[in-house]
Amino acid sequence: MDGNKPSALKVRQGLQEFMTQSREMSFGTEFSKEFFDVVNVDVELDNLGLAFNNYKIINLTDIHIGQWLNPEYLDGVVEYVNTLKPDMITLTGDYVSYILEGYETDLKKSFKKLKAKDGKLAVLGNHDHWLGANEMRDILKKADVKDLSNDVYTLKKTGKNDNHEKLLNIAGVDSYTVGADDLNSVLNKLPDQGAAILLAHEPDFAKISCESGRFGLQISGHSHGGQFIIPGTNIAPFRGPKSTRYPVGKYKVKNMIQYTSRGLGTNMFWMRINCKPEITLFHLKSNEKQKIEIN
């Protein structure tokens, strides 16, 4: 499947339509925040200026609209996320599963409603490529979401007691599964100054990105946490391609933190066991010392 559309795509599309109908008959369509976990993750980053201390980033990933998560649920997620008042929202791919047609407007409307002080950034996942990367990029653009695939977005802030401008760099790579990633291009665009965070749909890309020594954090999805976590542990026994090393939660990979979200939706089958859908809220922490002026 890597690099190409899945075999028997039509069969999978038919299965998705069947699963969607059975889910709606069984569970309805109304959103409830009880179906989701909001996971708070503190991450201390080198070279993060005090101006960015406690900076809040919400990450949403693996929506897979049209399967477990329908348009009504997605709108509910968006409304709830907005109540958390994030500084930034990141989206790390697989917004669809095997059907895009008919969901374009729903995705655009929901993504456009997302509100964050410093904007919305996204990369694509393998499913987005299989169903039409250009179409998905157009949806993101019309929803005021910046496509960060193989690109860098830099924020600049000045602290209260420091007149020097500080940088926070958010970078993104396109889908590793389909071979669209270009880390060299990203590193060439990345400023030398400031902390750097990488958005990468597939968590196992961390084994490549960590070698650069430039990123303090990689944010990923793709695995859905295996959709099953052994009770009393954080172990996901079912691991798909490109998520075998880092299937769920927080890892230290050399000097970089890798975080893999369980995601919002599911692929093929919508069953989850001890593995609730996840909204991830990152709290960035600076290790710089506060300067105290003595008059």
Protein backbone atom coordinates (compact mmCIF):
# COMPACT_ATOMS: atom_id res chain seq x y z
CA MET A 1 0.00 0.00 0.00
CA ASP A 2 2.91 2.40 0.61
CA GLY A 3 3.05 5.08 -2.07
CA ASN A 4 -0.07 3.90 -3.88
CA LYS A 5 -3.79 3.79 -3.29
CA PRO A 6 -4.94 0.78 -1.27
CA SER A 7 -5.89 -2.29 -3.23
CA ALA A 8 -9.63 -2.90 -3.53
CA LEU A 9 -10.36 0.78 -2.87
CA LYS A 10 -13.95 0.40 -4.11
CA VAL A 11 -14.54 -2.46 -1.68
CA ARG A 12 -13.23 -0.34 1.20
CA GLN A 13 -15.43 2.55 0.14
CA GLY A 14 -18.46 0.27 0.23
CA LEU A 15 -17.47 -1.03 3.64
CA GLN A 16 -17.11 2.55 4.89
CA GLU A 17 -20.62 3.41 3.72
CA PHE A 18 -22.03 0.33 5.46
CA MET A 19 -20.15 1.06 8.69
CA THR A 20 -21.33 4.67 8.64
CA GLN A 21 -24.97 3.66 8.37
CA SER A 22 -24.69 1.03 11.12
CA ARG A 23 -22.90 3.46 13.45
CA GLU A 24 -25.55 6.14 13.05
CA MET A 25 -28.33 3.64 13.74
CA SER A 26 -26.51 2.37 16.85
CA PHE A 27 -25.13 5.58 18.37
CA GLY A 28 -26.85 8.55 16.74
CA THR A 29 -25.06 11.67 15.61
CA GLU A 30 -25.03 14.03 18.59
CA PHE A 31 -21.65 15.12 19.95
CA SER A 32 -20.70 14.49 23.56
CA LYS A 33 -17.35 15.47 25.07
CA GLU A 34 -17.57 12.32 27.20
CA PHE A 35 -16.56 10.33 24.12
CA PHE A 36 -13.14 12.07 24.03
CA ASP A 37 -10.12 12.50 26.26
CA VAL A 38 -8.41 15.87 26.45
CA VAL A 39 -4.78 14.92 27.10
CA ASN A 40 -2.59 17.64 28.59
CA VAL A 41 1.09 17.31 27.69
CA ASP A 42 3.82 19.53 29.17
CA VAL A 43 6.90 19.82 26.95
CA GLU A 44 10.03 21.71 27.94
CA LEU A 45 11.89 22.98 24.89
CA ASP A 46 15.43 24.24 24.57
CA ASN A 47 15.71 27.70 23.01
CA LEU A 48 12.07 28.48 23.77
CA GLY A 49 11.94 32.13 24.82
CA LEU A 50 10.05 33.11 27.96
CA ALA A 51 7.63 34.97 25.70
CA PHE A 52 6.37 31.52 24.63
CA ASN A 53 6.28 29.97 28.12
CA ASN A 54 2.92 28.20 28.67
CA TYR A 55 2.08 28.57 24.98
CA LYS A 56 -0.90 26.30 24.18
CA ILE A 57 -1.09 24.17 21.04
CA ILE A 58 -4.08 21.92 20.38
CA ASN A 59 -3.48 19.08 17.98
CA LEU A 60 -6.25 17.23 16.13
CA THR A 61 -5.45 14.25 13.95
CA ASP A 62 -6.95 11.29 12.08
CA ILE A 63 -10.48 12.64 11.81
CA HIS A 64 -11.37 10.09 9.11
CA ILE A 65 -14.66 11.87 8.53
CA GLY A 66 -17.48 9.63 7.39
CA GLN A 67 -16.65 6.65 9.55
CA TRP A 68 -16.93 6.76 13.36
CA LEU A 69 -16.78 10.55 13.26
CA ASN A 70 -19.48 12.18 11.14
CA PRO A 71 -19.90 15.91 10.26
CA GLU A 72 -22.12 16.58 13.30
CA TYR A 73 -19.52 15.11 15.65
CA LEU A 74 -16.76 17.11 13.96
CA ASP A 75 -18.68 20.33 14.50
CA GLY A 76 -19.05 19.39 18.16
CA VAL A 77 -15.32 18.78 18.45
CA VAL A 78 -14.62 22.17 16.88
CA GLU A 79 -16.96 23.99 19.24
CA TYR A 80 -15.39 22.29 22.24
CA VAL A 81 -11.82 22.98 21.07
CA ASN A 82 -12.65 26.68 20.71
CA THR A 83 -13.69 26.82 24.38
CA LEU A 84 -10.12 25.81 25.32
CA LYS A 85 -8.80 29.03 23.71
CA PRO A 86 -5.58 27.67 22.19
CA ASP A 87 -2.77 29.90 20.94
CA MET A 88 -2.42 27.63 17.91
CA ILE A 89 -4.19 24.64 16.38
CA THR A 90 -2.31 21.98 14.44
CA LEU A 91 -3.83 19.27 12.25
CA THR A 92 -1.71 16.23 11.45
CA GLY A 93 -3.48 14.46 8.62
CA ASP A 94 -5.92 11.74 7.54
CA TYR A 95 -8.98 13.95 7.45
CA VAL A 96 -10.73 11.30 5.30
CA SER A 97 -10.61 7.50 4.95
CA TYR A 98 -11.82 6.07 1.62
CA ILE A 99 -14.43 8.63 0.58
CA LEU A 100 -13.86 12.35 0.04
CA GLU A 101 -16.70 13.18 -2.32
CA GLY A 102 -19.61 14.62 -0.37
CA TYR A 103 -17.52 15.62 2.65
CA GLU A 104 -15.60 18.55 1.14
CA THR A 105 -18.04 21.20 2.36
CA ASP A 106 -18.31 19.67 5.84
CA LEU A 107 -14.55 19.64 6.32
CA LYS A 108 -14.17 23.17 5.02
CA LYS A 109 -16.93 24.56 7.26
CA SER A 110 -15.65 22.83 10.39
CA PHE A 111 -11.99 23.73 9.85
CA LYS A 112 -12.96 27.33 9.13
CA LYS A 113 -14.79 27.52 12.49
CA LEU A 114 -11.65 26.54 14.41
CA LYS A 115 -10.30 29.56 16.29
CA ALA A 116 -6.74 30.06 17.53
CA LYS A 117 -4.88 33.23 18.42
CA ASP A 118 -1.91 32.57 16.14
CA GLY A 119 -3.59 30.53 13.43
CA LYS A 120 -4.10 26.98 12.16
CA LEU A 121 -1.42 24.79 10.57
CA ALA A 122 -1.71 21.39 8.89
CA VAL A 123 0.07 18.57 7.10
CA LEU A 124 -1.45 15.76 5.04
CA GLY A 125 -1.67 12.06 5.83
CA ASN A 126 -1.53 9.04 3.55
CA HIS A 127 -5.34 8.80 3.17
CA ASP A 128 -5.47 12.44 2.07
CA HIS A 129 -2.99 11.64 -0.70
CA TRP A 130 -4.85 8.50 -1.75
CA LEU A 131 -8.09 10.43 -2.22
CA GLY A 132 -6.66 13.65 -3.62
CA ALA A 133 -3.91 15.79 -2.08
CA ASN A 134 -4.74 18.79 -4.27
CA GLU A 135 -8.40 18.67 -3.27
CA MET A 136 -7.47 18.45 0.41
CA ARG A 137 -5.03 21.35 0.15
CA ASP A 138 -7.80 23.40 -1.47
CA ILE A 139 -10.14 22.59 1.44
CA LEU A 140 -7.49 23.69 3.95
CA LYS A 141 -6.81 26.91 2.06
CA LYS A 142 -10.49 27.84 1.90
CA ALA A 143 -10.77 27.14 5.64
CA ASP A 144 -7.86 29.53 6.42
CA VAL A 145 -5.59 26.65 7.42
CA LYS A 146 -1.97 26.94 6.30
CA ASP A 147 -0.66 23.80 4.59
CA LEU A 148 2.72 23.24 6.19
CA SER A 149 3.72 20.17 4.17
CA ASN A 150 7.53 20.43 3.74
CA ASP A 151 7.43 24.00 4.95
CA VAL A 152 8.11 26.17 8.01
CA TYR A 153 6.03 28.76 9.86
CA THR A 154 7.85 31.07 12.29
CA LEU A 155 6.25 33.00 15.13
CA LYS A 156 7.99 36.02 16.68
CA LYS A 157 7.34 37.42 20.15
CA THR A 158 9.02 39.86 22.53
CA GLY A 159 8.93 39.17 26.26
CA LYS A 160 7.82 41.68 28.90
CA ASN A 161 11.30 42.04 30.42
CA ASP A 162 13.30 41.27 27.31
CA ASN A 163 13.47 43.50 24.26
CA HIS A 164 14.97 40.74 22.13
CA GLU A 165 12.62 39.08 19.67
CA LYS A 166 12.21 35.33 20.22
CA LEU A 167 11.28 32.75 17.59
CA LEU A 168 9.13 29.62 17.68
CA ASN A 169 9.36 27.54 14.52
CA ILE A 170 6.62 25.12 13.50
CA ALA A 171 7.68 22.87 10.63
CA GLY A 172 5.84 20.16 8.75
CA VAL A 173 6.65 17.22 6.50
CA ASP A 174 4.28 15.70 3.98
CA SER A 175 3.24 12.06 4.30
CA TYR A 176 6.11 9.64 4.88
CA THR A 177 3.93 6.68 3.82
CA VAL A 178 3.58 7.89 0.25
CA GLY A 179 7.14 9.23 0.00
CA ALA A 180 6.08 12.87 -0.11
CA ASP A 181 8.27 13.93 2.84
CA ASP A 182 11.21 16.27 2.18
CA LEU A 183 13.03 16.94 5.44
CA ASN A 184 16.05 18.49 3.70
CA SER A 185 13.81 21.18 2.22
CA VAL A 186 12.36 21.84 5.68
CA LEU A 187 15.79 22.11 7.31
CA ASN A 188 16.96 24.52 4.61
CA LYS A 189 14.00 26.81 5.38
CA LEU A 190 14.31 26.52 9.16
CA PRO A 191 15.87 29.51 10.97
CA ASP A 192 18.89 28.76 13.13
CA GLN A 193 17.34 30.55 16.09
CA GLY A 194 14.43 29.51 18.27
CA ALA A 195 12.80 26.26 19.35
CA ALA A 196 11.47 24.03 16.58
CA ILE A 197 8.47 21.68 16.48
CA LEU A 198 7.78 19.22 13.65
CA LEU A 199 4.36 18.09 12.45
CA ALA A 200 4.61 14.64 10.85
CA HIS A 201 1.61 12.41 10.26
CA GLU A 202 3.52 9.16 10.76
CA PRO A 203 5.18 8.79 14.20
CA ASP A 204 8.00 6.55 13.02
CA PHE A 205 9.34 9.49 11.03
CA ALA A 206 10.87 10.44 14.40
CA LYS A 207 13.73 8.02 13.76
CA ILE A 208 14.68 10.27 10.82
CA SER A 209 13.83 13.71 12.18
CA CYS A 210 15.65 13.15 15.49
CA GLU A 211 18.94 12.79 13.61
CA SER A 212 18.87 16.47 12.62
CA GLY A 213 19.12 17.50 16.27
CA ARG A 214 16.99 20.52 15.42
CA PHE A 215 13.54 19.57 16.71
CA GLY A 216 12.53 19.49 20.36
CA LEU A 217 9.14 17.95 19.66
CA GLN A 218 7.49 15.93 16.88
CA ILE A 219 3.68 15.73 16.87
CA SER A 220 2.08 12.81 15.03
CA GLY A 221 -1.01 10.63 14.67
CA HIS A 222 -1.58 7.83 12.12
CA SER A 223 -1.70 4.92 14.60
CA HIS A 224 -5.06 5.64 16.34
CA GLY A 225 -3.28 4.17 19.36
CA GLY A 226 -3.83 0.80 17.72
CA GLN A 227 -7.52 1.27 18.66
CA PHE A 228 -6.78 -1.14 21.51
CA ILE A 229 -4.58 -0.49 24.54
CA ILE A 230 -3.89 -3.23 27.08
CA PRO A 231 -5.69 -2.22 30.30
CA GLY A 232 -3.37 -0.99 33.05
CA THR A 233 -0.61 -0.24 30.55
CA ASN A 234 0.15 2.18 27.76
CA ILE A 235 0.88 -0.67 25.35
CA ALA A 236 -0.77 -0.84 21.92
CA PRO A 237 -0.26 -4.40 20.64
CA PHE A 238 -1.70 -3.71 17.17
CA ARG A 239 0.72 -1.53 15.21
CA GLY A 240 0.45 -0.58 11.57
CA PRO A 241 3.13 0.46 9.10
CA LYS A 242 5.04 3.61 10.09
CA SER A 243 3.73 3.42 13.67
CA THR A 244 5.48 0.34 15.02
CA ARG A 245 8.11 2.17 17.09
CA TYR A 246 6.02 4.93 18.64
CA PRO A 247 2.36 3.83 18.55
CA VAL A 248 0.83 5.86 21.38
CA GLY A 249 1.75 8.62 23.80
CA LYS A 250 5.05 10.28 24.69
CA TYR A 251 8.55 9.02 23.85
CA LYS A 252 12.12 10.33 24.10
CA VAL A 253 13.92 9.80 20.80
CA LYS A 254 17.51 10.95 21.24
CA ASN A 255 17.09 14.61 22.28
CA MET A 256 13.60 14.97 20.82
CA ILE A 257 10.18 14.28 22.32
CA GLN A 258 7.89 12.26 20.03
CA TYR A 259 4.20 12.44 20.83
CA THR A 260 1.70 10.14 19.10
CA SER A 261 -1.97 11.02 19.51
CA ARG A 262 -4.68 8.36 19.54
CA GLY A 263 -6.55 10.61 17.09
CA LEU A 264 -10.24 11.39 16.75
CA GLY A 265 -11.55 8.88 14.25
CA THR A 266 -10.95 5.29 13.22
CA ASN A 267 -10.08 3.51 10.02
CA MET A 268 -12.21 0.66 8.61
CA PHE A 269 -13.70 -0.47 11.93
CA TRP A 270 -14.90 2.10 14.45
CA MET A 271 -14.39 -0.04 17.54
CA ARG A 272 -11.96 1.21 20.19
CA ILE A 273 -11.07 -0.70 23.38
CA ASN A 274 -9.48 1.21 26.29
CA CYS A 275 -8.41 3.75 23.68
CA LYS A 276 -10.73 6.76 23.63
CA PRO A 277 -10.42 9.35 20.86
CA GLU A 278 -8.03 12.14 21.82
CA ILE A 279 -7.72 15.92 21.67
CA THR A 280 -4.14 16.79 22.63
CA LEU A 281 -3.32 20.04 24.43
CA PHE A 282 0.40 20.84 24.53
CA HIS A 283 1.71 23.32 27.10
CA LEU A 284 5.14 24.53 26.00
CA LYS A 285 7.62 25.29 28.77
CA SER A 286 10.72 27.46 28.53
CA ASN A 287 13.87 26.54 30.45
CA GLU A 288 15.20 30.10 30.23
CA LYS A 289 15.71 31.96 33.50
CA GLN A 290 13.58 35.01 34.22
CA LYS A 291 15.64 38.20 34.24
CA ILE A 292 14.88 40.39 37.26
CA GLU A 293 15.78 44.05 36.97
CA ILE A 294 17.04 45.73 40.16
CA ASN A 295 16.62 49.49 40.27
